[in-house]
């Protein structure tokens, strides 16, 4: 029995993964010269800097896979698209506020907005496709953890 490749679905997944990964990479390039994470006083659970690009790359891939699952099965609509692209936009602006502009307190408020959007997205994805929602749990957890880091960086610096 020969399996056939559904090129339409392959294209949907490729685009769905490429958008957040490429956007995240672009933001990484924009903020790379402004990174001062090593110079900041950090809370006890702060991970080493090398971990961040690894984690974010994985989260962007998972984000794209989840969205691709919904898109390929025609489970997207205005609500899914709105929350998905809103959280992605908020996500991509956070490092600019935090690292480039050094608006640490504003970045904390912004990341709370991001956490709320990610949780809303996770619930919405889960209601449409269980696996798509479950794949967003690491992103939700990381965003809550990043909120903790952001808050304590504000308090300690």
N, C-alpha and C. Protein backbone atom coordinates (compact mmCIF):
# COMPACT_ATOMS: atom_id res chain seq x y z
N UNK A 1 0.84 -1.18 0.00
CA UNK A 1 0.00 0.00 0.00
C UNK A 1 0.89 1.24 0.00
N UNK A 2 0.66 2.10 -0.93
CA UNK A 2 1.48 3.30 -1.10
C UNK A 2 0.77 4.51 -0.52
N UNK A 3 1.48 5.23 0.29
CA UNK A 3 0.91 6.46 0.88
C UNK A 3 1.12 7.61 -0.10
N UNK A 4 0.11 8.40 -0.26
CA UNK A 4 0.24 9.57 -1.12
C UNK A 4 0.41 10.81 -0.24
N UNK A 5 1.19 11.72 -0.74
CA UNK A 5 1.45 12.94 0.00
C UNK A 5 0.41 13.98 -0.39
N UNK A 6 -0.23 14.55 0.59
CA UNK A 6 -1.19 15.62 0.37
C UNK A 6 -0.41 16.94 0.37
N UNK A 7 0.00 17.38 -0.81
CA UNK A 7 0.86 18.56 -0.93
C UNK A 7 0.17 19.83 -0.45
N UNK A 8 -1.15 19.85 -0.52
CA UNK A 8 -1.87 21.02 -0.02
C UNK A 8 -1.68 21.14 1.49
N UNK A 9 -1.76 20.01 2.20
CA UNK A 9 -1.54 20.03 3.65
C UNK A 9 -0.08 20.32 3.99
N UNK A 10 0.83 19.79 3.21
CA UNK A 10 2.25 20.06 3.43
C UNK A 10 2.49 21.57 3.33
N UNK A 11 1.91 22.19 2.32
CA UNK A 11 2.06 23.64 2.13
C UNK A 11 1.47 24.41 3.30
N UNK A 12 0.29 23.99 3.76
CA UNK A 12 -0.35 24.65 4.91
C UNK A 12 0.55 24.58 6.14
N UNK A 13 1.07 23.38 6.42
CA UNK A 13 1.95 23.22 7.59
C UNK A 13 3.24 24.03 7.42
N UNK A 14 3.83 23.98 6.23
CA UNK A 14 5.09 24.70 6.00
C UNK A 14 4.91 26.20 6.24
N UNK A 15 3.84 26.76 5.69
CA UNK A 15 3.58 28.20 5.86
C UNK A 15 3.25 28.50 7.32
N UNK A 16 2.45 27.63 7.94
CA UNK A 16 2.05 27.85 9.33
C UNK A 16 3.24 27.82 10.28
N UNK A 17 4.22 27.00 9.99
CA UNK A 17 5.43 26.93 10.82
C UNK A 17 6.39 28.06 10.47
N UNK A 18 6.52 28.34 9.19
CA UNK A 18 7.47 29.36 8.74
C UNK A 18 7.13 30.75 9.28
N UNK A 19 5.87 31.10 9.33
CA UNK A 19 5.49 32.45 9.76
C UNK A 19 6.00 32.77 11.18
N UNK A 20 5.66 31.98 12.20
CA UNK A 20 6.17 32.34 13.53
C UNK A 20 7.68 32.15 13.68
N UNK A 21 8.24 31.13 13.04
CA UNK A 21 9.69 30.91 13.15
C UNK A 21 10.45 32.06 12.50
N UNK A 22 10.05 32.46 11.31
CA UNK A 22 10.73 33.56 10.61
C UNK A 22 10.53 34.88 11.36
N UNK A 23 9.33 35.12 11.84
CA UNK A 23 9.06 36.35 12.59
C UNK A 23 9.89 36.39 13.87
N UNK A 24 9.96 35.26 14.56
CA UNK A 24 10.79 35.18 15.77
C UNK A 24 12.25 35.40 15.47
N UNK A 25 12.73 34.84 14.37
CA UNK A 25 14.13 35.03 13.98
C UNK A 25 14.42 36.49 13.65
N UNK A 26 13.49 37.13 12.97
CA UNK A 26 13.65 38.55 12.64
C UNK A 26 13.72 39.39 13.90
N UNK A 27 12.85 39.14 14.84
CA UNK A 27 12.87 39.88 16.11
C UNK A 27 14.17 39.60 16.85
N UNK A 28 14.64 38.36 16.79
CA UNK A 28 15.92 38.02 17.41
C UNK A 28 17.06 38.85 16.82
N UNK A 29 17.05 39.02 15.52
CA UNK A 29 18.07 39.84 14.87
C UNK A 29 17.95 41.31 15.27
N UNK A 30 16.72 41.79 15.32
CA UNK A 30 16.48 43.19 15.69
C UNK A 30 16.94 43.48 17.11
N UNK A 31 16.70 42.55 18.01
CA UNK A 31 17.01 42.79 19.42
C UNK A 31 18.40 42.32 19.84
N UNK A 32 19.10 41.60 18.99
CA UNK A 32 20.36 40.98 19.39
C UNK A 32 21.40 41.98 19.90
N UNK A 33 21.46 43.14 19.35
CA UNK A 33 22.45 44.14 19.78
C UNK A 33 22.04 44.84 21.08
N UNK A 34 20.80 44.65 21.50
CA UNK A 34 20.30 45.32 22.69
C UNK A 34 20.19 44.38 23.89
N UNK A 35 20.53 43.13 23.70
CA UNK A 35 20.40 42.14 24.78
C UNK A 35 21.32 42.49 25.94
N UNK A 36 20.73 42.64 27.11
CA UNK A 36 21.52 42.92 28.31
C UNK A 36 21.15 41.97 29.45
N UNK A 37 20.64 40.81 29.08
CA UNK A 37 20.17 39.83 30.06
C UNK A 37 21.27 39.46 31.06
N UNK A 38 22.49 39.29 30.58
CA UNK A 38 23.60 38.91 31.47
C UNK A 38 23.89 39.98 32.52
N UNK A 39 23.66 41.23 32.18
CA UNK A 39 23.98 42.34 33.09
C UNK A 39 22.89 42.58 34.14
N UNK A 40 21.74 41.96 33.98
CA UNK A 40 20.62 42.19 34.89
C UNK A 40 20.70 41.31 36.13
N UNK A 41 20.20 41.83 37.24
CA UNK A 41 19.98 41.00 38.42
C UNK A 41 18.76 40.15 38.12
N UNK A 42 18.88 38.85 38.33
CA UNK A 42 17.81 37.92 37.96
C UNK A 42 17.34 37.11 39.17
N UNK A 43 16.08 36.63 39.10
CA UNK A 43 15.56 35.81 40.19
C UNK A 43 16.18 34.42 40.20
N UNK A 44 15.90 33.69 41.24
CA UNK A 44 16.51 32.38 41.48
C UNK A 44 16.33 31.39 40.33
N UNK A 45 15.21 31.36 39.71
CA UNK A 45 14.93 30.35 38.69
C UNK A 45 15.30 30.78 37.27
N UNK A 46 16.02 31.88 37.14
CA UNK A 46 16.36 32.40 35.81
C UNK A 46 17.26 31.41 35.05
N UNK A 47 16.85 31.03 33.85
CA UNK A 47 17.68 30.10 33.05
C UNK A 47 18.86 30.83 32.42
N UNK A 48 19.84 30.07 31.95
CA UNK A 48 20.97 30.70 31.26
C UNK A 48 20.52 31.25 29.90
N UNK A 49 21.19 32.27 29.42
CA UNK A 49 20.79 32.91 28.16
C UNK A 49 20.72 31.96 26.97
N UNK A 50 21.56 30.96 26.94
CA UNK A 50 21.60 30.02 25.81
C UNK A 50 20.28 29.26 25.65
N UNK A 51 19.51 29.15 26.71
CA UNK A 51 18.26 28.41 26.67
C UNK A 51 17.15 29.13 25.89
N UNK A 52 17.17 30.45 25.91
CA UNK A 52 16.06 31.21 25.33
C UNK A 52 15.84 30.97 23.83
N UNK A 53 16.87 31.05 22.99
CA UNK A 53 16.60 30.81 21.56
C UNK A 53 16.16 29.37 21.28
N UNK A 54 16.62 28.44 22.07
CA UNK A 54 16.21 27.05 21.90
C UNK A 54 14.73 26.90 22.23
N UNK A 55 14.35 27.42 23.39
CA UNK A 55 12.95 27.32 23.83
C UNK A 55 12.04 28.05 22.86
N UNK A 56 12.40 29.28 22.49
CA UNK A 56 11.52 30.04 21.61
C UNK A 56 11.40 29.40 20.23
N UNK A 57 12.48 28.84 19.72
CA UNK A 57 12.39 28.15 18.43
C UNK A 57 11.41 26.99 18.50
N UNK A 58 11.51 26.21 19.55
CA UNK A 58 10.59 25.09 19.74
C UNK A 58 9.15 25.57 19.89
N UNK A 59 8.95 26.62 20.67
CA UNK A 59 7.59 27.14 20.87
C UNK A 59 7.00 27.69 19.57
N UNK A 60 7.82 28.36 18.76
CA UNK A 60 7.32 28.86 17.47
C UNK A 60 6.96 27.71 16.54
N UNK A 61 7.74 26.65 16.55
CA UNK A 61 7.40 25.48 15.73
C UNK A 61 6.09 24.86 16.22
N UNK A 62 5.95 24.67 17.53
CA UNK A 62 4.71 24.11 18.07
C UNK A 62 3.51 24.99 17.75
N UNK A 63 3.70 26.29 17.82
CA UNK A 63 2.65 27.24 17.48
C UNK A 63 2.20 27.02 16.03
N UNK A 64 3.18 26.91 15.14
CA UNK A 64 2.87 26.71 13.74
C UNK A 64 2.23 25.37 13.46
N UNK A 65 2.70 24.32 14.11
CA UNK A 65 2.10 22.99 13.94
C UNK A 65 0.64 23.01 14.39
N UNK A 66 0.37 23.61 15.54
CA UNK A 66 -1.01 23.67 16.04
C UNK A 66 -1.92 24.43 15.08
N UNK A 67 -1.44 25.58 14.65
CA UNK A 67 -2.25 26.36 13.72
C UNK A 67 -2.42 25.60 12.41
N UNK A 68 -1.37 24.93 11.96
CA UNK A 68 -1.46 24.12 10.75
C UNK A 68 -2.48 23.00 10.87
N UNK A 69 -2.55 22.39 12.05
CA UNK A 69 -3.57 21.34 12.28
C UNK A 69 -4.97 21.90 12.07
N UNK A 70 -5.21 23.06 12.64
CA UNK A 70 -6.53 23.67 12.50
C UNK A 70 -6.80 24.10 11.07
N UNK A 71 -5.82 24.73 10.47
CA UNK A 71 -5.97 25.23 9.10
C UNK A 71 -6.18 24.09 8.11
N UNK A 72 -5.40 23.02 8.25
CA UNK A 72 -5.48 21.92 7.29
C UNK A 72 -6.79 21.15 7.41
N UNK A 73 -7.42 21.25 8.57
CA UNK A 73 -8.71 20.56 8.76
C UNK A 73 -9.89 21.52 8.70
N UNK A 74 -9.60 22.72 8.19
CA UNK A 74 -10.63 23.75 8.01
C UNK A 74 -11.36 24.07 9.33
N UNK A 75 -10.57 24.17 10.40
CA UNK A 75 -11.12 24.48 11.72
C UNK A 75 -10.80 25.90 12.16
N UNK A 76 -10.26 26.70 11.25
CA UNK A 76 -9.99 28.10 11.57
C UNK A 76 -11.18 28.96 11.17
N UNK A 77 -11.31 30.06 11.85
CA UNK A 77 -12.33 31.05 11.53
C UNK A 77 -11.82 32.39 12.02
N UNK A 78 -12.66 33.40 12.02
CA UNK A 78 -12.26 34.73 12.43
C UNK A 78 -11.73 34.75 13.86
N UNK A 79 -12.37 34.02 14.77
CA UNK A 79 -11.94 34.01 16.18
C UNK A 79 -10.56 33.37 16.32
N UNK A 80 -10.35 32.23 15.68
CA UNK A 80 -9.06 31.55 15.74
C UNK A 80 -7.97 32.44 15.16
N UNK A 81 -8.22 32.98 13.98
CA UNK A 81 -7.23 33.84 13.34
C UNK A 81 -6.92 35.08 14.17
N UNK A 82 -7.95 35.68 14.73
CA UNK A 82 -7.77 36.90 15.52
C UNK A 82 -6.89 36.64 16.75
N UNK A 83 -7.20 35.61 17.51
CA UNK A 83 -6.42 35.35 18.72
C UNK A 83 -5.02 34.85 18.37
N UNK A 84 -4.91 34.06 17.33
CA UNK A 84 -3.60 33.54 16.94
C UNK A 84 -2.67 34.67 16.52
N UNK A 85 -3.12 35.51 15.61
CA UNK A 85 -2.25 36.58 15.11
C UNK A 85 -2.08 37.70 16.14
N UNK A 86 -3.07 37.92 16.99
CA UNK A 86 -2.92 38.90 18.07
C UNK A 86 -1.82 38.47 19.04
N UNK A 87 -1.86 37.19 19.47
CA UNK A 87 -0.82 36.74 20.41
C UNK A 87 0.55 36.76 19.75
N UNK A 88 0.61 36.43 18.46
CA UNK A 88 1.90 36.45 17.77
C UNK A 88 2.44 37.88 17.71
N UNK A 89 1.60 38.83 17.38
CA UNK A 89 2.03 40.23 17.34
C UNK A 89 2.47 40.74 18.71
N UNK A 90 1.71 40.43 19.74
CA UNK A 90 2.07 40.83 21.10
C UNK A 90 3.39 40.17 21.50
N UNK A 91 3.52 38.90 21.16
CA UNK A 91 4.75 38.15 21.45
C UNK A 91 5.96 38.83 20.81
N UNK A 92 5.84 39.19 19.57
CA UNK A 92 6.97 39.75 18.82
C UNK A 92 7.35 41.15 19.28
N UNK A 93 6.41 41.88 19.87
CA UNK A 93 6.73 43.22 20.37
C UNK A 93 7.38 43.21 21.74
N UNK A 94 7.14 42.16 22.53
CA UNK A 94 7.68 42.13 23.89
C UNK A 94 9.20 42.32 23.94
N UNK A 95 10.01 41.59 23.16
CA UNK A 95 11.46 41.80 23.28
C UNK A 95 11.91 43.19 22.87
N UNK A 96 11.16 43.84 22.01
CA UNK A 96 11.50 45.22 21.65
C UNK A 96 11.29 46.12 22.86
N UNK A 97 10.15 45.96 23.53
CA UNK A 97 9.89 46.77 24.73
C UNK A 97 10.91 46.47 25.83
N UNK A 98 11.20 45.18 26.03
CA UNK A 98 12.06 44.77 27.13
C UNK A 98 13.53 45.06 26.87
N UNK A 99 14.03 44.68 25.70
CA UNK A 99 15.47 44.77 25.44
C UNK A 99 15.88 46.06 24.71
N UNK A 100 15.16 46.42 23.67
CA UNK A 100 15.56 47.58 22.87
C UNK A 100 15.22 48.88 23.60
N UNK A 101 13.96 49.01 24.01
CA UNK A 101 13.51 50.25 24.65
C UNK A 101 13.78 50.28 26.15
N UNK A 102 14.05 49.11 26.74
CA UNK A 102 14.31 48.98 28.19
C UNK A 102 13.11 49.42 29.03
N UNK A 103 11.92 49.23 28.48
CA UNK A 103 10.69 49.54 29.21
C UNK A 103 10.29 48.30 30.00
N UNK A 104 11.01 47.99 31.04
CA UNK A 104 10.84 46.73 31.77
C UNK A 104 9.45 46.61 32.42
N UNK A 105 8.99 47.66 33.08
CA UNK A 105 7.68 47.59 33.73
C UNK A 105 6.57 47.49 32.68
N UNK A 106 6.66 48.28 31.63
CA UNK A 106 5.69 48.19 30.54
C UNK A 106 5.72 46.79 29.92
N UNK A 107 6.93 46.24 29.76
CA UNK A 107 7.07 44.90 29.20
C UNK A 107 6.39 43.87 30.09
N UNK A 108 6.43 44.07 31.41
CA UNK A 108 5.74 43.16 32.32
C UNK A 108 4.22 43.21 32.09
N UNK A 109 3.69 44.39 31.98
CA UNK A 109 2.24 44.52 31.72
C UNK A 109 1.91 43.90 30.36
N UNK A 110 2.79 44.13 29.38
CA UNK A 110 2.61 43.58 28.03
C UNK A 110 2.63 42.05 28.05
N UNK A 111 3.53 41.48 28.84
CA UNK A 111 3.63 40.02 28.86
C UNK A 111 2.42 39.40 29.58
N UNK A 112 1.80 40.15 30.48
CA UNK A 112 0.55 39.67 31.08
C UNK A 112 -0.55 39.60 30.02
N UNK A 113 -0.57 40.60 29.14
CA UNK A 113 -1.50 40.56 28.00
C UNK A 113 -1.19 39.35 27.13
N UNK A 114 0.09 39.12 26.87
CA UNK A 114 0.49 37.95 26.08
C UNK A 114 0.03 36.66 26.74
N UNK A 115 0.26 36.53 28.04
CA UNK A 115 -0.15 35.31 28.75
C UNK A 115 -1.65 35.09 28.62
N UNK A 116 -2.43 36.15 28.77
CA UNK A 116 -3.89 36.03 28.63
C UNK A 116 -4.27 35.59 27.22
N UNK A 117 -3.62 36.15 26.21
CA UNK A 117 -3.90 35.77 24.83
C UNK A 117 -3.49 34.33 24.55
N UNK A 118 -2.35 33.91 25.08
CA UNK A 118 -1.87 32.54 24.86
C UNK A 118 -2.82 31.54 25.53
N UNK A 119 -3.27 31.85 26.72
CA UNK A 119 -4.22 30.97 27.41
C UNK A 119 -5.53 30.91 26.62
N UNK A 120 -6.00 32.06 26.16
CA UNK A 120 -7.23 32.08 25.34
C UNK A 120 -7.04 31.27 24.07
N UNK A 121 -5.88 31.42 23.43
CA UNK A 121 -5.59 30.67 22.21
C UNK A 121 -5.55 29.17 22.50
N UNK A 122 -4.92 28.79 23.59
CA UNK A 122 -4.81 27.38 23.95
C UNK A 122 -6.19 26.77 24.15
N UNK A 123 -7.05 27.47 24.86
CA UNK A 123 -8.42 26.98 25.10
C UNK A 123 -9.19 26.89 23.78
N UNK A 124 -9.09 27.93 22.97
CA UNK A 124 -9.79 27.94 21.68
C UNK A 124 -9.30 26.82 20.77
N UNK A 125 -7.98 26.64 20.70
CA UNK A 125 -7.42 25.56 19.89
C UNK A 125 -7.89 24.21 20.42
N UNK A 126 -7.87 24.04 21.73
CA UNK A 126 -8.27 22.77 22.34
C UNK A 126 -9.72 22.44 22.00
N UNK A 127 -10.57 23.42 22.02
CA UNK A 127 -11.99 23.20 21.69
C UNK A 127 -12.19 22.79 20.23
N UNK A 128 -11.27 23.20 19.37
CA UNK A 128 -11.37 22.86 17.95
C UNK A 128 -10.67 21.52 17.63
N UNK A 129 -9.53 21.31 18.30
CA UNK A 129 -8.71 20.13 18.02
C UNK A 129 -7.87 19.87 19.26
N UNK A 130 -8.15 18.81 19.95
CA UNK A 130 -7.52 18.54 21.25
C UNK A 130 -5.99 18.63 21.18
N UNK A 131 -5.38 17.98 20.21
CA UNK A 131 -3.93 17.97 20.11
C UNK A 131 -3.38 19.37 19.84
N UNK A 132 -4.05 20.13 19.00
CA UNK A 132 -3.60 21.50 18.71
C UNK A 132 -3.58 22.33 19.99
N UNK A 133 -4.55 22.13 20.84
CA UNK A 133 -4.58 22.84 22.12
C UNK A 133 -3.51 22.36 23.07
N UNK A 134 -3.35 21.05 23.16
CA UNK A 134 -2.34 20.49 24.07
C UNK A 134 -0.93 20.91 23.69
N UNK A 135 -0.68 21.06 22.39
CA UNK A 135 0.64 21.49 21.93
C UNK A 135 0.98 22.91 22.36
N UNK A 136 -0.03 23.67 22.79
CA UNK A 136 0.20 25.04 23.23
C UNK A 136 0.45 25.15 24.74
N UNK A 137 0.31 24.05 25.47
CA UNK A 137 0.55 24.09 26.91
C UNK A 137 1.98 24.50 27.27
N UNK A 138 3.01 24.02 26.55
CA UNK A 138 4.36 24.52 26.88
C UNK A 138 4.50 26.03 26.67
N UNK A 139 3.86 26.55 25.64
CA UNK A 139 3.90 27.99 25.36
C UNK A 139 3.22 28.75 26.49
N UNK A 140 2.05 28.27 26.91
CA UNK A 140 1.34 28.92 28.01
C UNK A 140 2.19 28.90 29.28
N UNK A 141 2.77 27.75 29.58
CA UNK A 141 3.60 27.62 30.78
C UNK A 141 4.82 28.53 30.69
N UNK A 142 5.48 28.55 29.55
CA UNK A 142 6.67 29.37 29.38
C UNK A 142 6.33 30.86 29.50
N UNK A 143 5.18 31.26 28.97
CA UNK A 143 4.78 32.66 29.04
C UNK A 143 4.51 33.08 30.49
N UNK A 144 3.89 32.21 31.25
CA UNK A 144 3.68 32.49 32.67
C UNK A 144 5.04 32.58 33.39
N UNK A 145 5.95 31.66 33.08
CA UNK A 145 7.29 31.69 33.66
C UNK A 145 8.03 32.96 33.25
N UNK A 146 7.94 33.34 31.98
CA UNK A 146 8.58 34.56 31.50
C UNK A 146 8.00 35.79 32.20
N UNK A 147 6.72 35.74 32.55
CA UNK A 147 6.10 36.84 33.30
C UNK A 147 6.75 36.97 34.67
N UNK A 148 6.97 35.84 35.32
CA UNK A 148 7.67 35.81 36.61
C UNK A 148 9.07 36.42 36.47
N UNK A 149 9.81 35.99 35.43
CA UNK A 149 11.15 36.53 35.21
C UNK A 149 11.11 38.03 35.00
N UNK A 150 10.19 38.47 34.16
CA UNK A 150 10.07 39.90 33.86
C UNK A 150 9.77 40.70 35.13
N UNK A 151 8.81 40.22 35.92
CA UNK A 151 8.46 40.93 37.15
C UNK A 151 9.65 41.04 38.09
N UNK A 152 10.35 39.94 38.30
CA UNK A 152 11.46 39.98 39.25
C UNK A 152 12.66 40.75 38.71
N UNK A 153 12.82 40.80 37.42
CA UNK A 153 13.86 41.66 36.85
C UNK A 153 13.52 43.12 37.10
N UNK A 154 12.25 43.48 36.98
CA UNK A 154 11.82 44.83 37.31
C UNK A 154 12.12 45.13 38.78
N UNK A 155 11.74 44.22 39.66
CA UNK A 155 11.91 44.44 41.10
C UNK A 155 13.37 44.47 41.53
N UNK A 156 14.20 43.64 40.91
CA UNK A 156 15.61 43.53 41.31
C UNK A 156 16.52 44.58 40.67
N UNK A 157 16.03 45.23 39.63
CA UNK A 157 16.87 46.18 38.92
C UNK A 157 16.32 47.59 39.06
